[in-house]
Amino acid sequence: MSEKNSKLEKISFFDVESNEEVELYVIEQTTLKENKYLLVAEEDSDESEAYIFKEVKEDDKDITYVPVEEDDEYEALIKVFGELVEDTDLI
């Protein structure tokens, strides 16, 4: 594990499908068209699968993150996150 990876923030998500809490590492975050997105992974290694979540505010207190499923949005975010992490050993 690299020094960069060891400093990744770990956050908890509640998976409504499995009804379990899941801890994921935040690799990077960005804003695109006024929406906040997170690039997260299950492990802090470059061998872990990464996921992109979009922030959806339920109200002033609750924030929900949903997987990005729209192809155009996903492709645009892959490019943005690729540029953000290109100088690291994460991808």
N, C-alpha and C. Protein backbone atom coordinates (compact mmCIF):
# COMPACT_ATOMS: atom_id res chain seq x y z
N MET A 1 0.84 -1.18 0.00
CA MET A 1 0.00 0.00 0.00
C MET A 1 0.89 1.24 0.00
N SER A 2 0.55 2.21 -0.80
CA SER A 2 1.35 3.42 -0.90
C SER A 2 1.02 4.38 0.24
N GLU A 3 1.90 5.37 0.40
CA GLU A 3 1.65 6.39 1.42
C GLU A 3 0.39 7.18 1.08
N LYS A 4 0.16 7.46 -0.19
CA LYS A 4 -1.05 8.18 -0.61
C LYS A 4 -2.29 7.40 -0.21
N ASN A 5 -2.32 6.10 -0.49
CA ASN A 5 -3.48 5.28 -0.18
C ASN A 5 -3.75 5.19 1.30
N SER A 6 -2.73 5.18 2.13
CA SER A 6 -2.93 5.03 3.56
C SER A 6 -3.62 6.24 4.18
N LYS A 7 -3.73 7.33 3.44
CA LYS A 7 -4.36 8.53 3.96
C LYS A 7 -5.79 8.72 3.45
N LEU A 8 -6.33 7.73 2.79
CA LEU A 8 -7.69 7.85 2.26
C LEU A 8 -8.70 7.86 3.39
N GLU A 9 -9.70 8.72 3.25
CA GLU A 9 -10.78 8.81 4.23
C GLU A 9 -11.72 7.62 4.04
N LYS A 10 -12.12 7.03 5.13
CA LYS A 10 -13.06 5.91 5.09
C LYS A 10 -14.39 6.41 5.64
N ILE A 11 -15.47 6.19 4.86
CA ILE A 11 -16.79 6.63 5.30
C ILE A 11 -17.76 5.46 5.24
N SER A 12 -18.82 5.58 6.02
CA SER A 12 -19.82 4.52 6.08
C SER A 12 -21.05 4.89 5.27
N PHE A 13 -21.55 3.92 4.55
CA PHE A 13 -22.77 4.05 3.78
C PHE A 13 -23.74 2.98 4.25
N PHE A 14 -25.02 3.27 4.19
CA PHE A 14 -26.02 2.26 4.49
C PHE A 14 -26.58 1.76 3.16
N ASP A 15 -26.38 0.49 2.90
CA ASP A 15 -26.86 -0.14 1.67
C ASP A 15 -28.29 -0.61 1.89
N VAL A 16 -29.23 0.06 1.24
CA VAL A 16 -30.64 -0.28 1.45
C VAL A 16 -31.01 -1.63 0.85
N GLU A 17 -30.28 -2.08 -0.16
CA GLU A 17 -30.56 -3.39 -0.76
C GLU A 17 -30.18 -4.53 0.18
N SER A 18 -29.01 -4.43 0.80
CA SER A 18 -28.56 -5.49 1.70
C SER A 18 -28.94 -5.22 3.15
N ASN A 19 -29.41 -3.99 3.41
CA ASN A 19 -29.79 -3.58 4.76
C ASN A 19 -28.60 -3.64 5.72
N GLU A 20 -27.41 -3.30 5.19
CA GLU A 20 -26.18 -3.35 5.98
C GLU A 20 -25.39 -2.06 5.80
N GLU A 21 -24.56 -1.78 6.79
CA GLU A 21 -23.65 -0.66 6.68
C GLU A 21 -22.38 -1.12 5.98
N VAL A 22 -21.91 -0.31 5.02
CA VAL A 22 -20.73 -0.64 4.24
C VAL A 22 -19.72 0.49 4.38
N GLU A 23 -18.47 0.14 4.64
CA GLU A 23 -17.42 1.15 4.73
C GLU A 23 -16.65 1.18 3.42
N LEU A 24 -16.50 2.40 2.87
CA LEU A 24 -15.79 2.58 1.62
C LEU A 24 -14.75 3.68 1.77
N TYR A 25 -13.69 3.59 0.98
CA TYR A 25 -12.65 4.60 0.97
C TYR A 25 -12.96 5.64 -0.09
N VAL A 26 -12.88 6.91 0.27
CA VAL A 26 -13.09 7.98 -0.69
C VAL A 26 -11.76 8.26 -1.37
N ILE A 27 -11.72 7.96 -2.66
CA ILE A 27 -10.50 8.17 -3.44
C ILE A 27 -10.41 9.61 -3.90
N GLU A 28 -11.55 10.14 -4.38
CA GLU A 28 -11.58 11.50 -4.90
C GLU A 28 -13.01 11.98 -4.90
N GLN A 29 -13.20 13.28 -4.96
CA GLN A 29 -14.54 13.86 -5.08
C GLN A 29 -14.47 15.01 -6.07
N THR A 30 -15.59 15.28 -6.71
CA THR A 30 -15.65 16.38 -7.68
C THR A 30 -17.08 16.89 -7.77
N THR A 31 -17.22 18.04 -8.40
CA THR A 31 -18.52 18.62 -8.67
C THR A 31 -18.63 18.82 -10.18
N LEU A 32 -19.74 18.39 -10.74
CA LEU A 32 -19.99 18.51 -12.16
C LEU A 32 -21.44 18.93 -12.36
N LYS A 33 -21.64 20.04 -13.04
CA LYS A 33 -22.99 20.58 -13.26
C LYS A 33 -23.77 20.70 -11.96
N GLU A 34 -23.11 21.27 -10.95
CA GLU A 34 -23.69 21.54 -9.63
C GLU A 34 -24.06 20.29 -8.84
N ASN A 35 -23.58 19.13 -9.26
CA ASN A 35 -23.80 17.89 -8.51
C ASN A 35 -22.47 17.41 -7.95
N LYS A 36 -22.50 16.91 -6.71
CA LYS A 36 -21.30 16.39 -6.07
C LYS A 36 -21.21 14.89 -6.30
N TYR A 37 -20.00 14.41 -6.62
CA TYR A 37 -19.76 12.99 -6.89
C TYR A 37 -18.58 12.51 -6.07
N LEU A 38 -18.64 11.23 -5.69
CA LEU A 38 -17.55 10.58 -4.98
C LEU A 38 -17.06 9.39 -5.79
N LEU A 39 -15.75 9.24 -5.86
CA LEU A 39 -15.13 8.03 -6.38
C LEU A 39 -14.69 7.24 -5.16
N VAL A 40 -15.26 6.06 -4.97
CA VAL A 40 -15.01 5.28 -3.76
C VAL A 40 -14.58 3.86 -4.13
N ALA A 41 -13.95 3.18 -3.15
CA ALA A 41 -13.53 1.80 -3.34
C ALA A 41 -13.70 1.05 -2.02
N GLU A 42 -13.86 -0.27 -2.13
CA GLU A 42 -14.03 -1.09 -0.93
C GLU A 42 -12.74 -1.26 -0.15
N GLU A 43 -11.61 -1.22 -0.84
CA GLU A 43 -10.31 -1.38 -0.20
C GLU A 43 -9.41 -0.22 -0.59
N ASP A 44 -8.36 0.00 0.17
CA ASP A 44 -7.45 1.11 -0.12
C ASP A 44 -6.25 0.65 -0.94
N SER A 45 -6.51 -0.21 -1.92
CA SER A 45 -5.44 -0.65 -2.80
C SER A 45 -5.83 -0.39 -4.24
N ASP A 46 -4.85 -0.37 -5.12
CA ASP A 46 -5.14 -0.13 -6.53
C ASP A 46 -5.75 -1.35 -7.20
N GLU A 47 -5.92 -2.43 -6.48
CA GLU A 47 -6.54 -3.65 -7.00
C GLU A 47 -8.05 -3.69 -6.74
N SER A 48 -8.56 -2.75 -5.96
CA SER A 48 -9.96 -2.73 -5.58
C SER A 48 -10.81 -2.10 -6.69
N GLU A 49 -12.04 -2.59 -6.84
CA GLU A 49 -12.98 -1.99 -7.78
C GLU A 49 -13.42 -0.64 -7.24
N ALA A 50 -13.59 0.33 -8.15
CA ALA A 50 -14.03 1.66 -7.76
C ALA A 50 -15.46 1.89 -8.25
N TYR A 51 -16.17 2.75 -7.52
CA TYR A 51 -17.56 3.07 -7.84
C TYR A 51 -17.72 4.58 -7.81
N ILE A 52 -18.67 5.08 -8.58
CA ILE A 52 -18.97 6.50 -8.58
C ILE A 52 -20.38 6.69 -8.03
N PHE A 53 -20.48 7.54 -7.00
CA PHE A 53 -21.77 7.85 -6.39
C PHE A 53 -22.08 9.33 -6.55
N LYS A 54 -23.35 9.62 -6.72
CA LYS A 54 -23.85 10.99 -6.84
C LYS A 54 -24.58 11.36 -5.56
N GLU A 55 -24.30 12.56 -5.07
CA GLU A 55 -24.95 13.05 -3.86
C GLU A 55 -26.36 13.55 -4.19
N VAL A 56 -27.32 13.08 -3.41
CA VAL A 56 -28.71 13.52 -3.55
C VAL A 56 -29.16 13.97 -2.18
N LYS A 57 -29.45 15.26 -2.03
CA LYS A 57 -29.88 15.77 -0.73
C LYS A 57 -31.36 15.49 -0.54
N GLU A 58 -31.67 14.78 0.52
CA GLU A 58 -33.06 14.47 0.86
C GLU A 58 -33.73 15.67 1.52
N ASP A 59 -33.00 16.31 2.43
CA ASP A 59 -33.45 17.50 3.12
C ASP A 59 -32.22 18.18 3.68
N ASP A 60 -32.38 19.12 4.59
CA ASP A 60 -31.23 19.84 5.13
C ASP A 60 -30.31 18.97 6.00
N LYS A 61 -30.83 17.86 6.49
CA LYS A 61 -30.05 17.00 7.38
C LYS A 61 -29.50 15.75 6.70
N ASP A 62 -30.28 15.15 5.83
CA ASP A 62 -29.92 13.87 5.26
C ASP A 62 -29.38 14.00 3.84
N ILE A 63 -28.31 13.28 3.58
CA ILE A 63 -27.73 13.21 2.26
C ILE A 63 -27.66 11.74 1.86
N THR A 64 -28.07 11.46 0.65
CA THR A 64 -28.03 10.11 0.13
C THR A 64 -27.09 10.08 -1.06
N TYR A 65 -26.34 8.99 -1.19
CA TYR A 65 -25.48 8.79 -2.35
C TYR A 65 -26.03 7.62 -3.14
N VAL A 66 -26.20 7.84 -4.44
CA VAL A 66 -26.72 6.79 -5.31
C VAL A 66 -25.70 6.51 -6.40
N PRO A 67 -25.62 5.25 -6.84
CA PRO A 67 -24.68 4.92 -7.92
C PRO A 67 -25.07 5.67 -9.21
N VAL A 68 -24.07 6.11 -9.94
CA VAL A 68 -24.31 6.76 -11.22
C VAL A 68 -24.60 5.66 -12.23
N GLU A 69 -25.76 5.75 -12.86
CA GLU A 69 -26.18 4.70 -13.80
C GLU A 69 -26.35 5.20 -15.23
N GLU A 70 -26.55 6.50 -15.41
CA GLU A 70 -26.73 7.04 -16.75
C GLU A 70 -25.39 7.00 -17.50
N ASP A 71 -25.38 6.42 -18.68
CA ASP A 71 -24.14 6.20 -19.44
C ASP A 71 -23.37 7.49 -19.73
N ASP A 72 -24.05 8.53 -20.21
CA ASP A 72 -23.37 9.78 -20.55
C ASP A 72 -22.74 10.43 -19.32
N GLU A 73 -23.48 10.44 -18.24
CA GLU A 73 -22.99 11.01 -16.98
C GLU A 73 -21.80 10.21 -16.48
N TYR A 74 -21.90 8.89 -16.53
CA TYR A 74 -20.83 8.00 -16.06
C TYR A 74 -19.55 8.21 -16.88
N GLU A 75 -19.68 8.25 -18.19
CA GLU A 75 -18.52 8.44 -19.07
C GLU A 75 -17.83 9.77 -18.82
N ALA A 76 -18.60 10.83 -18.62
CA ALA A 76 -18.03 12.15 -18.32
C ALA A 76 -17.27 12.11 -17.00
N LEU A 77 -17.82 11.43 -16.02
CA LEU A 77 -17.17 11.35 -14.70
C LEU A 77 -15.92 10.49 -14.73
N ILE A 78 -15.92 9.44 -15.53
CA ILE A 78 -14.72 8.60 -15.68
C ILE A 78 -13.56 9.47 -16.16
N LYS A 79 -13.82 10.33 -17.14
CA LYS A 79 -12.78 11.22 -17.66
C LYS A 79 -12.30 12.19 -16.59
N VAL A 80 -13.24 12.80 -15.86
CA VAL A 80 -12.87 13.76 -14.82
C VAL A 80 -12.06 13.09 -13.73
N PHE A 81 -12.55 11.97 -13.20
CA PHE A 81 -11.82 11.28 -12.12
C PHE A 81 -10.49 10.73 -12.63
N GLY A 82 -10.44 10.30 -13.88
CA GLY A 82 -9.17 9.83 -14.45
C GLY A 82 -8.12 10.90 -14.43
N GLU A 83 -8.50 12.14 -14.78
CA GLU A 83 -7.58 13.25 -14.73
C GLU A 83 -7.18 13.61 -13.31
N LEU A 84 -8.11 13.52 -12.37
CA LEU A 84 -7.82 13.87 -10.98
C LEU A 84 -6.86 12.90 -10.31
N VAL A 85 -6.90 11.64 -10.70
CA VAL A 85 -6.04 10.65 -10.04
C VAL A 85 -4.92 10.13 -10.92
N GLU A 86 -4.72 10.76 -12.10
CA GLU A 86 -3.71 10.25 -13.02
C GLU A 86 -2.28 10.31 -12.47
N ASP A 87 -2.00 11.23 -11.58
CA ASP A 87 -0.65 11.35 -11.02
C ASP A 87 -0.48 10.53 -9.74
N THR A 88 -1.44 9.68 -9.44
CA THR A 88 -1.33 8.82 -8.26
C THR A 88 -1.16 7.38 -8.74
N ASP A 89 -0.99 6.48 -7.82
CA ASP A 89 -0.87 5.06 -8.19
C ASP A 89 -2.20 4.34 -8.02
N LEU A 90 -3.31 5.10 -8.04
CA LEU A 90 -4.61 4.49 -7.80
C LEU A 90 -5.19 3.87 -9.05
N ILE A 91 -4.84 4.35 -10.23
CA ILE A 91 -5.33 3.73 -11.47
C ILE A 91 -4.20 3.60 -12.45
